Amino acid sequence: MTEERNLIPCILTAVATVAATVAALWYYGYLHIAKEEDALLLADYTFLKTIPGQDYKVSHEPAQQVAQCIDGVLVLFDTKQKGLSGVLVDKRKRAVRCHADTPAAL
């Protein structure tokens, strides 16, 4: 007694369930779909070496980012876009380390 089943409603139900679950997770913020611009640099930074007795000039206007030392890594938080943060890295994608206290003279 072979009975043929129509699998199309089962497949459509499964696809609709997955789509509804993904949509609900995204709507409530549990799922973030990464875009290409999320991986771009927030800003370009330049290292200014301080030499005793030599003056250097910086702008009086502060940058849009604020840095904080978290677990020994320098983390930048953007003040304009809430929730946007990143780790400061060098050209080889190595995290810039930091200490809570002032480093000793080398």
PDB file of N, CA and C in Angstrom:
ATOM      1  N   MET A   1       0.821  -1.162   0.000  1.00  0.00           N
ATOM      2  CA  MET A   1       0.000   0.000   0.000  1.00  0.00           C
ATOM      3  C   MET A   1       0.880   1.246   0.000  1.00  0.00           C
ATOM      4  N   THR A   2       1.344   1.560  -1.115  1.00  0.00           N
ATOM      5  CA  THR A   2       2.164   2.738  -1.262  1.00  0.00           C
ATOM      6  C   THR A   2       1.275   3.953  -1.464  1.00  0.00           C
ATOM      7  N   GLU A   3       1.474   4.889  -0.588  1.00  0.00           N
ATOM      8  CA  GLU A   3       0.683   6.114  -0.665  1.00  0.00           C
ATOM      9  C   GLU A   3       1.620   7.264  -0.997  1.00  0.00           C
ATOM     10  N   GLU A   4       1.316   8.006  -2.017  1.00  0.00           N
ATOM     11  CA  GLU A   4       2.156   9.126  -2.400  1.00  0.00           C
ATOM     12  C   GLU A   4       1.836  10.328  -1.521  1.00  0.00           C
ATOM     13  N   ARG A   5       2.897  10.943  -1.024  1.00  0.00           N
ATOM     14  CA  ARG A   5       2.727  12.137  -0.191  1.00  0.00           C
ATOM     15  C   ARG A   5       3.186  13.362  -0.967  1.00  0.00           C
ATOM     16  N   ASN A   6       2.506  14.448  -0.710  1.00  0.00           N
ATOM     17  CA  ASN A   6       2.889  15.717  -1.327  1.00  0.00           C
ATOM     18  C   ASN A   6       3.828  16.426  -0.349  1.00  0.00           C
ATOM     19  N   LEU A   7       5.109  16.513  -0.675  1.00  0.00           N
ATOM     20  CA  LEU A   7       6.112  17.097   0.215  1.00  0.00           C
ATOM     21  C   LEU A   7       6.215  18.612   0.101  1.00  0.00           C
ATOM     22  N   ILE A   8       5.570  19.202  -0.874  1.00  0.00           N
ATOM     23  CA  ILE A   8       5.679  20.649  -1.079  1.00  0.00           C
ATOM     24  C   ILE A   8       5.188  21.435   0.140  1.00  0.00           C
ATOM     25  N   PRO A   9       4.050  21.115   0.752  1.00  0.00           N
ATOM     26  CA  PRO A   9       3.640  21.871   1.951  1.00  0.00           C
ATOM     27  C   PRO A   9       4.622  21.733   3.106  1.00  0.00           C
ATOM     28  N   CYS A  10       5.218  20.561   3.285  1.00  0.00           N
ATOM     29  CA  CYS A  10       6.214  20.384   4.353  1.00  0.00           C
ATOM     30  C   CYS A  10       7.451  21.236   4.103  1.00  0.00           C
ATOM     31  N   ILE A  11       7.913  21.255   2.876  1.00  0.00           N
ATOM     32  CA  ILE A  11       9.099  22.048   2.526  1.00  0.00           C
ATOM     33  C   ILE A  11       8.804  23.534   2.683  1.00  0.00           C
ATOM     34  N   LEU A  12       7.652  23.993   2.213  1.00  0.00           N
ATOM     35  CA  LEU A  12       7.289  25.407   2.362  1.00  0.00           C
ATOM     36  C   LEU A  12       7.140  25.798   3.820  1.00  0.00           C
ATOM     37  N   THR A  13       6.589  24.926   4.644  1.00  0.00           N
ATOM     38  CA  THR A  13       6.456  25.203   6.078  1.00  0.00           C
ATOM     39  C   THR A  13       7.829  25.329   6.737  1.00  0.00           C
ATOM     40  N   ALA A  14       8.756  24.446   6.380  1.00  0.00           N
ATOM     41  CA  ALA A  14      10.103  24.499   6.947  1.00  0.00           C
ATOM     42  C   ALA A  14      10.820  25.788   6.541  1.00  0.00           C
ATOM     43  N   VAL A  15      10.711  26.166   5.284  1.00  0.00           N
ATOM     44  CA  VAL A  15      11.356  27.395   4.805  1.00  0.00           C
ATOM     45  C   VAL A  15      10.743  28.616   5.483  1.00  0.00           C
ATOM     46  N   ALA A  16       9.420  28.646   5.595  1.00  0.00           N
ATOM     47  CA  ALA A  16       8.749  29.775   6.242  1.00  0.00           C
ATOM     48  C   ALA A  16       9.114  29.856   7.720  1.00  0.00           C
ATOM     49  N   THR A  17       9.246  28.722   8.392  1.00  0.00           N
ATOM     50  CA  THR A  17       9.616  28.710   9.809  1.00  0.00           C
ATOM     51  C   THR A  17      11.023  29.254  10.009  1.00  0.00           C
ATOM     52  N   VAL A  18      11.960  28.833   9.180  1.00  0.00           N
ATOM     53  CA  VAL A  18      13.335  29.334   9.279  1.00  0.00           C
ATOM     54  C   VAL A  18      13.373  30.832   8.993  1.00  0.00           C
ATOM     55  N   ALA A  19      12.671  31.287   7.974  1.00  0.00           N
ATOM     56  CA  ALA A  19      12.649  32.708   7.634  1.00  0.00           C
ATOM     57  C   ALA A  19      12.025  33.530   8.762  1.00  0.00           C
ATOM     58  N   ALA A  20      10.943  33.043   9.353  1.00  0.00           N
ATOM     59  CA  ALA A  20      10.301  33.768  10.456  1.00  0.00           C
ATOM     60  C   ALA A  20      11.206  33.816  11.683  1.00  0.00           C
ATOM     61  N   THR A  21      11.915  32.734  11.954  1.00  0.00           N
ATOM     62  CA  THR A  21      12.833  32.706  13.102  1.00  0.00           C
ATOM     63  C   THR A  21      13.977  33.690  12.899  1.00  0.00           C
ATOM     64  N   VAL A  22      14.575  33.700  11.721  1.00  0.00           N
ATOM     65  CA  VAL A  22      15.673  34.630  11.428  1.00  0.00           C
ATOM     66  C   VAL A  22      15.179  36.072  11.511  1.00  0.00           C
ATOM     67  N   ALA A  23      13.997  36.343  10.972  1.00  0.00           N
ATOM     68  CA  ALA A  23      13.440  37.697  11.022  1.00  0.00           C
ATOM     69  C   ALA A  23      13.186  38.143  12.461  1.00  0.00           C
ATOM     70  N   ALA A  24      12.664  37.256  13.294  1.00  0.00           N
ATOM     71  CA  ALA A  24      12.403  37.610  14.694  1.00  0.00           C
ATOM     72  C   ALA A  24      13.699  37.857  15.452  1.00  0.00           C
ATOM     73  N   LEU A  25      14.714  37.018  15.241  1.00  0.00           N
ATOM     74  CA  LEU A  25      16.005  37.215  15.906  1.00  0.00           C
ATOM     75  C   LEU A  25      16.661  38.517  15.469  1.00  0.00           C
ATOM     76  N   TRP A  26      16.564  38.851  14.185  1.00  0.00           N
ATOM     77  CA  TRP A  26      17.133  40.100  13.692  1.00  0.00           C
ATOM     78  C   TRP A  26      16.382  41.297  14.256  1.00  0.00           C
ATOM     79  N   TYR A  27      15.050  41.230  14.305  1.00  0.00           N
ATOM     80  CA  TYR A  27      14.227  42.345  14.784  1.00  0.00           C
ATOM     81  C   TYR A  27      14.532  42.664  16.245  1.00  0.00           C
ATOM     82  N   TYR A  28      14.715  41.652  17.071  1.00  0.00           N
ATOM     83  CA  TYR A  28      14.966  41.870  18.491  1.00  0.00           C
ATOM     84  C   TYR A  28      16.443  42.051  18.824  1.00  0.00           C
ATOM     85  N   GLY A  29      17.301  42.060  17.818  1.00  0.00           N
ATOM     86  CA  GLY A  29      18.711  42.379  18.024  1.00  0.00           C
ATOM     87  C   GLY A  29      19.598  41.214  18.392  1.00  0.00           C
ATOM     88  N   TYR A  30      19.099  39.999  18.341  1.00  0.00           N
ATOM     89  CA  TYR A  30      19.923  38.838  18.658  1.00  0.00           C
ATOM     90  C   TYR A  30      20.737  38.356  17.464  1.00  0.00           C
ATOM     91  N   LEU A  31      20.442  38.857  16.306  1.00  0.00           N
ATOM     92  CA  LEU A  31      21.145  38.460  15.087  1.00  0.00           C
ATOM     93  C   LEU A  31      21.585  39.719  14.359  1.00  0.00           C
ATOM     94  N   HIS A  32      22.860  39.782  14.032  1.00  0.00           N
ATOM     95  CA  HIS A  32      23.390  40.921  13.277  1.00  0.00           C
ATOM     96  C   HIS A  32      23.968  40.398  11.977  1.00  0.00           C
ATOM     97  N   ILE A  33      23.450  40.868  10.883  1.00  0.00           N
ATOM     98  CA  ILE A  33      23.946  40.475   9.571  1.00  0.00           C
ATOM     99  C   ILE A  33      25.041  41.463   9.193  1.00  0.00           C
ATOM    100  N   ALA A  34      26.278  40.977   9.167  1.00  0.00           N
ATOM    101  CA  ALA A  34      27.426  41.840   8.920  1.00  0.00           C
ATOM    102  C   ALA A  34      27.427  42.322   7.479  1.00  0.00           C
ATOM    103  N   LYS A  35      27.741  43.612   7.343  1.00  0.00           N
ATOM    104  CA  LYS A  35      27.872  44.213   6.023  1.00  0.00           C
ATOM    105  C   LYS A  35      29.343  44.521   5.776  1.00  0.00           C
ATOM    106  N   GLU A  36      29.695  44.763   4.544  1.00  0.00           N
ATOM    107  CA  GLU A  36      31.094  45.022   4.208  1.00  0.00           C
ATOM    108  C   GLU A  36      31.611  46.273   4.919  1.00  0.00           C
ATOM    109  N   GLU A  37      30.759  47.293   5.054  1.00  0.00           N
ATOM    110  CA  GLU A  37      31.229  48.521   5.696  1.00  0.00           C
ATOM    111  C   GLU A  37      31.456  48.351   7.191  1.00  0.00           C
ATOM    112  N   ASP A  38      30.949  47.276   7.809  1.00  0.00           N
ATOM    113  CA  ASP A  38      31.205  47.012   9.222  1.00  0.00           C
ATOM    114  C   ASP A  38      32.674  46.673   9.469  1.00  0.00           C
ATOM    115  N   ALA A  39      33.351  46.140   8.469  1.00  0.00           N
ATOM    116  CA  ALA A  39      34.739  45.740   8.622  1.00  0.00           C
ATOM    117  C   ALA A  39      35.714  46.846   8.230  1.00  0.00           C
ATOM    118  N   LEU A  40      35.220  47.983   7.790  1.00  0.00           N
ATOM    119  CA  LEU A  40      36.098  49.068   7.385  1.00  0.00           C
ATOM    120  C   LEU A  40      36.661  49.797   8.593  1.00  0.00           C
ATOM    121  N   LEU A  41      37.697  50.542   8.370  1.00  0.00           N
ATOM    122  CA  LEU A  41      38.321  51.314   9.436  1.00  0.00           C
ATOM    123  C   LEU A  41      37.387  52.425   9.897  1.00  0.00           C
ATOM    124  N   LEU A  42      37.349  52.638  11.207  1.00  0.00           N
ATOM    125  CA  LEU A  42      36.568  53.758  11.726  1.00  0.00           C
ATOM    126  C   LEU A  42      37.228  55.077  11.351  1.00  0.00           C
ATOM    127  N   ALA A  43      38.526  55.136  11.500  1.00  0.00           N
ATOM    128  CA  ALA A  43      39.269  56.357  11.201  1.00  0.00           C
ATOM    129  C   ALA A  43      40.740  55.983  11.044  1.00  0.00           C
ATOM    130  N   ASP A  44      41.506  56.890  10.457  1.00  0.00           N
ATOM    131  CA  ASP A  44      42.938  56.683  10.323  1.00  0.00           C
ATOM    132  C   ASP A  44      43.640  57.366  11.485  1.00  0.00           C
ATOM    133  N   TYR A  45      44.647  56.698  12.015  1.00  0.00           N
ATOM    134  CA  TYR A  45      45.386  57.240  13.145  1.00  0.00           C
ATOM    135  C   TYR A  45      46.859  57.327  12.792  1.00  0.00           C
ATOM    136  N   THR A  46      47.512  58.309  13.367  1.00  0.00           N
ATOM    137  CA  THR A  46      48.941  58.507  13.171  1.00  0.00           C
ATOM    138  C   THR A  46      49.599  58.583  14.538  1.00  0.00           C
ATOM    139  N   PHE A  47      50.742  57.967  14.656  1.00  0.00           N
ATOM    140  CA  PHE A  47      51.486  57.963  15.903  1.00  0.00           C
ATOM    141  C   PHE A  47      52.399  59.182  15.933  1.00  0.00           C
ATOM    142  N   LEU A  48      52.237  60.027  16.936  1.00  0.00           N
ATOM    143  CA  LEU A  48      53.102  61.191  17.117  1.00  0.00           C
ATOM    144  C   LEU A  48      54.111  60.869  18.214  1.00  0.00           C
ATOM    145  N   LYS A  49      55.361  60.764  17.829  1.00  0.00           N
ATOM    146  CA  LYS A  49      56.408  60.466  18.802  1.00  0.00           C
ATOM    147  C   LYS A  49      56.787  61.738  19.539  1.00  0.00           C
ATOM    148  N   THR A  50      56.800  61.652  20.853  1.00  0.00           N
ATOM    149  CA  THR A  50      57.165  62.819  21.659  1.00  0.00           C
ATOM    150  C   THR A  50      58.661  62.753  21.969  1.00  0.00           C
ATOM    151  N   ILE A  51      59.333  63.841  21.635  1.00  0.00           N
ATOM    152  CA  ILE A  51      60.760  63.965  21.898  1.00  0.00           C
ATOM    153  C   ILE A  51      60.935  65.084  22.915  1.00  0.00           C
ATOM    154  N   PRO A  52      61.659  64.826  23.993  1.00  0.00           N
ATOM    155  CA  PRO A  52      61.845  65.869  25.012  1.00  0.00           C
ATOM    156  C   PRO A  52      62.446  67.136  24.407  1.00  0.00           C
ATOM    157  N   GLY A  53      61.823  68.278  24.714  1.00  0.00           N
ATOM    158  CA  GLY A  53      62.304  69.567  24.241  1.00  0.00           C
ATOM    159  C   GLY A  53      61.767  69.966  22.880  1.00  0.00           C
ATOM    160  N   GLN A  54      61.047  69.083  22.207  1.00  0.00           N
ATOM    161  CA  GLN A  54      60.506  69.400  20.887  1.00  0.00           C
ATOM    162  C   GLN A  54      58.988  69.547  21.002  1.00  0.00           C
ATOM    163  N   ASP A  55      58.491  70.641  20.424  1.00  0.00           N
ATOM    164  CA  ASP A  55      57.055  70.889  20.459  1.00  0.00           C
ATOM    165  C   ASP A  55      56.350  70.171  19.318  1.00  0.00           C
ATOM    166  N   TYR A  56      55.119  69.807  19.554  1.00  0.00           N
ATOM    167  CA  TYR A  56      54.283  69.249  18.498  1.00  0.00           C
ATOM    168  C   TYR A  56      52.890  69.839  18.648  1.00  0.00           C
ATOM    169  N   LYS A  57      52.185  69.942  17.540  1.00  0.00           N
ATOM    170  CA  LYS A  57      50.881  70.584  17.545  1.00  0.00           C
ATOM    171  C   LYS A  57      49.796  69.546  17.292  1.00  0.00           C
ATOM    172  N   VAL A  58      48.724  69.658  18.077  1.00  0.00           N
ATOM    173  CA  VAL A  58      47.541  68.827  17.876  1.00  0.00           C
ATOM    174  C   VAL A  58      46.328  69.734  17.901  1.00  0.00           C
ATOM    175  N   SER A  59      45.255  69.286  17.317  1.00  0.00           N
ATOM    176  CA  SER A  59      44.023  70.060  17.262  1.00  0.00           C
ATOM    177  C   SER A  59      43.379  70.153  18.638  1.00  0.00           C
ATOM    178  N   HIS A  60      42.733  71.276  18.902  1.00  0.00           N
ATOM    179  CA  HIS A  60      42.006  71.437  20.165  1.00  0.00           C
ATOM    180  C   HIS A  60      40.684  70.679  20.134  1.00  0.00           C
ATOM    181  N   GLU A  61      40.209  70.397  18.939  1.00  0.00           N
ATOM    182  CA  GLU A  61      38.954  69.659  18.801  1.00  0.00           C
ATOM    183  C   GLU A  61      39.217  68.163  19.038  1.00  0.00           C
ATOM    184  N   PRO A  62      38.471  67.538  19.952  1.00  0.00           N
ATOM    185  CA  PRO A  62      38.729  66.113  20.230  1.00  0.00           C
ATOM    186  C   PRO A  62      38.227  65.212  19.109  1.00  0.00           C
ATOM    187  N   ALA A  63      38.786  64.015  19.049  1.00  0.00           N
ATOM    188  CA  ALA A  63      38.359  63.012  18.066  1.00  0.00           C
ATOM    189  C   ALA A  63      36.982  62.474  18.440  1.00  0.00           C
ATOM    190  N   GLN A  64      36.328  61.810  17.485  1.00  0.00           N
ATOM    191  CA  GLN A  64      35.009  61.252  17.726  1.00  0.00           C
ATOM    192  C   GLN A  64      35.079  59.942  18.503  1.00  0.00           C
ATOM    193  N   GLN A  65      36.272  59.419  18.724  1.00  0.00           N
ATOM    194  CA  GLN A  65      36.426  58.165  19.431  1.00  0.00           C
ATOM    195  C   GLN A  65      37.028  58.389  20.811  1.00  0.00           C
ATOM    196  N   VAL A  66      36.653  57.500  21.733  1.00  0.00           N
ATOM    197  CA  VAL A  66      37.198  57.509  23.084  1.00  0.00           C
ATOM    198  C   VAL A  66      37.841  56.146  23.311  1.00  0.00           C
ATOM    199  N   ALA A  67      39.062  56.127  23.854  1.00  0.00           N
ATOM    200  CA  ALA A  67      39.775  54.871  24.074  1.00  0.00           C
ATOM    201  C   ALA A  67      39.668  54.448  25.531  1.00  0.00           C
ATOM    202  N   GLN A  68      39.636  53.134  25.726  1.00  0.00           N
ATOM    203  CA  GLN A  68      39.592  52.583  27.073  1.00  0.00           C
ATOM    204  C   GLN A  68      40.392  51.294  27.076  1.00  0.00           C
ATOM    205  N   CYS A  69      41.107  51.044  28.157  1.00  0.00           N
ATOM    206  CA  CYS A  69      41.906  49.835  28.292  1.00  0.00           C
ATOM    207  C   CYS A  69      41.023  48.745  28.912  1.00  0.00           C
ATOM    208  N   ILE A  70      40.721  47.707  28.128  1.00  0.00           N
ATOM    209  CA  ILE A  70      39.885  46.611  28.605  1.00  0.00           C
ATOM    210  C   ILE A  70      40.659  45.313  28.432  1.00  0.00           C
ATOM    211  N   ASP A  71      40.927  44.640  29.534  1.00  0.00           N
ATOM    212  CA  ASP A  71      41.669  43.377  29.531  1.00  0.00           C
ATOM    213  C   ASP A  71      43.001  43.492  28.801  1.00  0.00           C
ATOM    214  N   GLY A  72      43.672  44.626  28.944  1.00  0.00           N
ATOM    215  CA  GLY A  72      44.980  44.818  28.345  1.00  0.00           C
ATOM    216  C   GLY A  72      44.977  45.146  26.873  1.00  0.00           C
ATOM    217  N   VAL A  73      43.814  45.424  26.294  1.00  0.00           N
ATOM    218  CA  VAL A  73      43.702  45.775  24.873  1.00  0.00           C
ATOM    219  C   VAL A  73      43.047  47.146  24.768  1.00  0.00           C
ATOM    220  N   LEU A  74      43.557  47.984  23.882  1.00  0.00           N
ATOM    221  CA  LEU A  74      43.010  49.317  23.695  1.00  0.00           C
ATOM    222  C   LEU A  74      41.767  49.248  22.806  1.00  0.00           C
ATOM    223  N   VAL A  75      40.621  49.590  23.381  1.00  0.00           N
ATOM    224  CA  VAL A  75      39.341  49.516  22.675  1.00  0.00           C
ATOM    225  C   VAL A  75      38.847  50.934  22.429  1.00  0.00           C
ATOM    226  N   LEU A  76      38.402  51.205  21.197  1.00  0.00           N
ATOM    227  CA  LEU A  76      37.882  52.514  20.835  1.00  0.00           C
ATOM    228  C   LEU A  76      36.363  52.468  20.776  1.00  0.00           C
ATOM    229  N   PHE A  77      35.732  53.476  21.351  1.00  0.00           N
ATOM    230  CA  PHE A  77      34.286  53.617  21.297  1.00  0.00           C
ATOM    231  C   PHE A  77      33.962  54.895  20.537  1.00  0.00           C
ATOM    232  N   ASP A  78      33.059  54.824  19.577  1.00  0.00           N
ATOM    233  CA  ASP A  78      32.656  55.981  18.793  1.00  0.00           C
ATOM    234  C   ASP A  78      31.593  56.751  19.565  1.00  0.00           C
ATOM    235  N   THR A  79      31.770  58.058  19.700  1.00  0.00           N
ATOM    236  CA  THR A  79      30.821  58.872  20.461  1.00  0.00           C
ATOM    237  C   THR A  79      29.632  59.312  19.625  1.00  0.00           C
ATOM    238  N   LYS A  80      29.745  59.247  18.306  1.00  0.00           N
ATOM    239  CA  LYS A  80      28.649  59.685  17.429  1.00  0.00           C
ATOM    240  C   LYS A  80      27.669  58.561  17.147  1.00  0.00           C
ATOM    241  N   GLN A  81      28.168  57.348  16.957  1.00  0.00           N
ATOM    242  CA  GLN A  81      27.315  56.205  16.633  1.00  0.00           C
ATOM    243  C   GLN A  81      27.282  55.264  17.823  1.00  0.00           C
ATOM    244  N   LYS A  82      26.154  55.229  18.507  1.00  0.00           N
ATOM    245  CA  LYS A  82      26.016  54.431  19.718  1.00  0.00           C
ATOM    246  C   LYS A  82      26.226  52.947  19.407  1.00  0.00           C
ATOM    247  N   GLY A  83      27.001  52.289  20.240  1.00  0.00           N
ATOM    248  CA  GLY A  83      27.232  50.865  20.087  1.00  0.00           C
ATOM    249  C   GLY A  83      28.361  50.496  19.151  1.00  0.00           C
ATOM    250  N   LEU A  84      28.943  51.479  18.472  1.00  0.00           N
ATOM    251  CA  LEU A  84      30.030  51.191  17.544  1.00  0.00           C
ATOM    252  C   LEU A  84      31.349  51.228  18.299  1.00  0.00           C
ATOM    253  N   SER A  85      32.059  50.124  18.294  1.00  0.00           N
ATOM    254  CA  SER A  85      33.343  50.057  18.972  1.00  0.00           C
ATOM    255  C   SER A  85      34.270  49.158  18.186  1.00  0.00           C
ATOM    256  N   GLY A  86      35.542  49.234  18.499  1.00  0.00           N
ATOM    257  CA  GLY A  86      36.515  48.405  17.813  1.00  0.00           C
ATOM    258  C   GLY A  86      37.822  48.363  18.572  1.00  0.00           C
ATOM    259  N   VAL A  87      38.669  47.449  18.189  1.00  0.00           N
ATOM    260  CA  VAL A  87      39.979  47.281  18.805  1.00  0.00           C
ATOM    261  C   VAL A  87      41.006  47.966  17.921  1.00  0.00           C
ATOM    262  N   LEU A  88      41.887  48.730  18.529  1.00  0.00           N
ATOM    263  CA  LEU A  88      42.947  49.400  17.778  1.00  0.00           C
ATOM    264  C   LEU A  88      44.017  48.374  17.421  1.00  0.00           C
ATOM    265  N   VAL A  89      44.312  48.252  16.116  1.00  0.00           N
ATOM    266  CA  VAL A  89      45.297  47.280  15.633  1.00  0.00           C
ATOM    267  C   VAL A  89      46.320  47.983  14.751  1.00  0.00           C
ATOM    268  N   ASP A  90      47.465  47.318  14.554  1.00  0.00           N
ATOM    269  CA  ASP A  90      48.479  47.866  13.662  1.00  0.00           C
ATOM    270  C   ASP A  90      48.258  47.335  12.250  1.00  0.00           C
ATOM    271  N   LYS A  91      49.222  47.586  11.354  1.00  0.00           N
ATOM    272  CA  LYS A  91      49.064  47.181   9.951  1.00  0.00           C
ATOM    273  C   LYS A  91      48.945  45.670   9.785  1.00  0.00           C
ATOM    274  N   ARG A  92      49.507  44.917  10.715  1.00  0.00           N
ATOM    275  CA  ARG A  92      49.469  43.459  10.630  1.00  0.00           C
ATOM    276  C   ARG A  92      48.329  42.866  11.455  1.00  0.00           C
ATOM    277  N   LYS A  93      47.350  43.690  11.828  1.00  0.00           N
ATOM    278  CA  LYS A  93      46.147  43.283  12.558  1.00  0.00           C
ATOM    279  C   LYS A  93      46.454  42.742  13.955  1.00  0.00           C
ATOM    280  N   ARG A  94      47.539  43.247  14.576  1.00  0.00           N
ATOM    281  CA  ARG A  94      47.866  42.883  15.950  1.00  0.00           C
ATOM    282  C   ARG A  94      47.268  43.940  16.865  1.00  0.00           C
ATOM    283  N   ALA A  95      46.618  43.503  17.918  1.00  0.00           N
ATOM    284  CA  ALA A  95      45.961  44.425  18.841  1.00  0.00           C
ATOM    285  C   ALA A  95      46.995  45.253  19.598  1.00  0.00           C
ATOM    286  N   VAL A  96      46.692  46.539  19.774  1.00  0.00           N
ATOM    287  CA  VAL A  96      47.548  47.426  20.549  1.00  0.00           C
ATOM    288  C   VAL A  96      47.255  47.171  22.018  1.00  0.00           C
ATOM    289  N   ARG A  97      48.286  46.805  22.765  1.00  0.00           N
ATOM    290  CA  ARG A  97      48.140  46.497  24.191  1.00  0.00           C
ATOM    291  C   ARG A  97      48.231  47.774  25.013  1.00  0.00           C
ATOM    292  N   CYS A  98      47.676  47.737  26.212  1.00  0.00           N
ATOM    293  CA  CYS A  98      47.738  48.894  27.099  1.00  0.00           C
ATOM    294  C   CYS A  98      47.824  48.418  28.544  1.00  0.00           C
ATOM    295  N   HIS A  99      48.252  49.325  29.394  1.00  0.00           N
ATOM    296  CA  HIS A  99      48.353  49.066  30.827  1.00  0.00           C
ATOM    297  C   HIS A  99      47.571  50.148  31.546  1.00  0.00           C
ATOM    298  N   ALA A 100      47.034  49.819  32.695  1.00  0.00           N
ATOM    299  CA  ALA A 100      46.278  50.790  33.472  1.00  0.00           C
ATOM    300  C   ALA A 100      47.191  51.870  34.026  1.00  0.00           C
ATOM    301  N   ASP A 101      48.437  51.531  34.312  1.00  0.00           N
ATOM    302  CA  ASP A 101      49.384  52.507  34.839  1.00  0.00           C
ATOM    303  C   ASP A 101      50.266  53.043  33.720  1.00  0.00           C
ATOM    304  N   THR A 102      51.019  54.074  34.001  1.00  0.00           N
ATOM    305  CA  THR A 102      51.915  54.681  33.019  1.00  0.00           C
ATOM    306  C   THR A 102      53.106  53.760  32.797  1.00  0.00           C
ATOM    307  N   PRO A 103      53.480  53.491  31.546  1.00  0.00           N
ATOM    308  CA  PRO A 103      54.625  52.596  31.298  1.00  0.00           C
ATOM    309  C   PRO A 103      55.928  53.224  31.767  1.00  0.00           C
ATOM    310  N   ALA A 104      56.831  52.381  32.213  1.00  0.00           N
ATOM    311  CA  ALA A 104      58.144  52.830  32.663  1.00  0.00           C
ATOM    312  C   ALA A 104      58.985  53.242  31.455  1.00  0.00           C
ATOM    313  N   ALA A 105      59.969  54.104  31.690  1.00  0.00           N
ATOM    314  CA  ALA A 105      60.846  54.549  30.614  1.00  0.00           C
ATOM    315  C   ALA A 105      61.644  53.365  30.083  1.00  0.00           C
ATOM    316  N   LEU A 106      61.750  53.283  28.768  1.00  0.00           N
ATOM    317  CA  LEU A 106      62.470  52.173  28.152  1.00  0.00           C
ATOM    318  C   LEU A 106      63.928  52.481  28.024  1.00  0.00           C
TER     319      LEU A 106
END
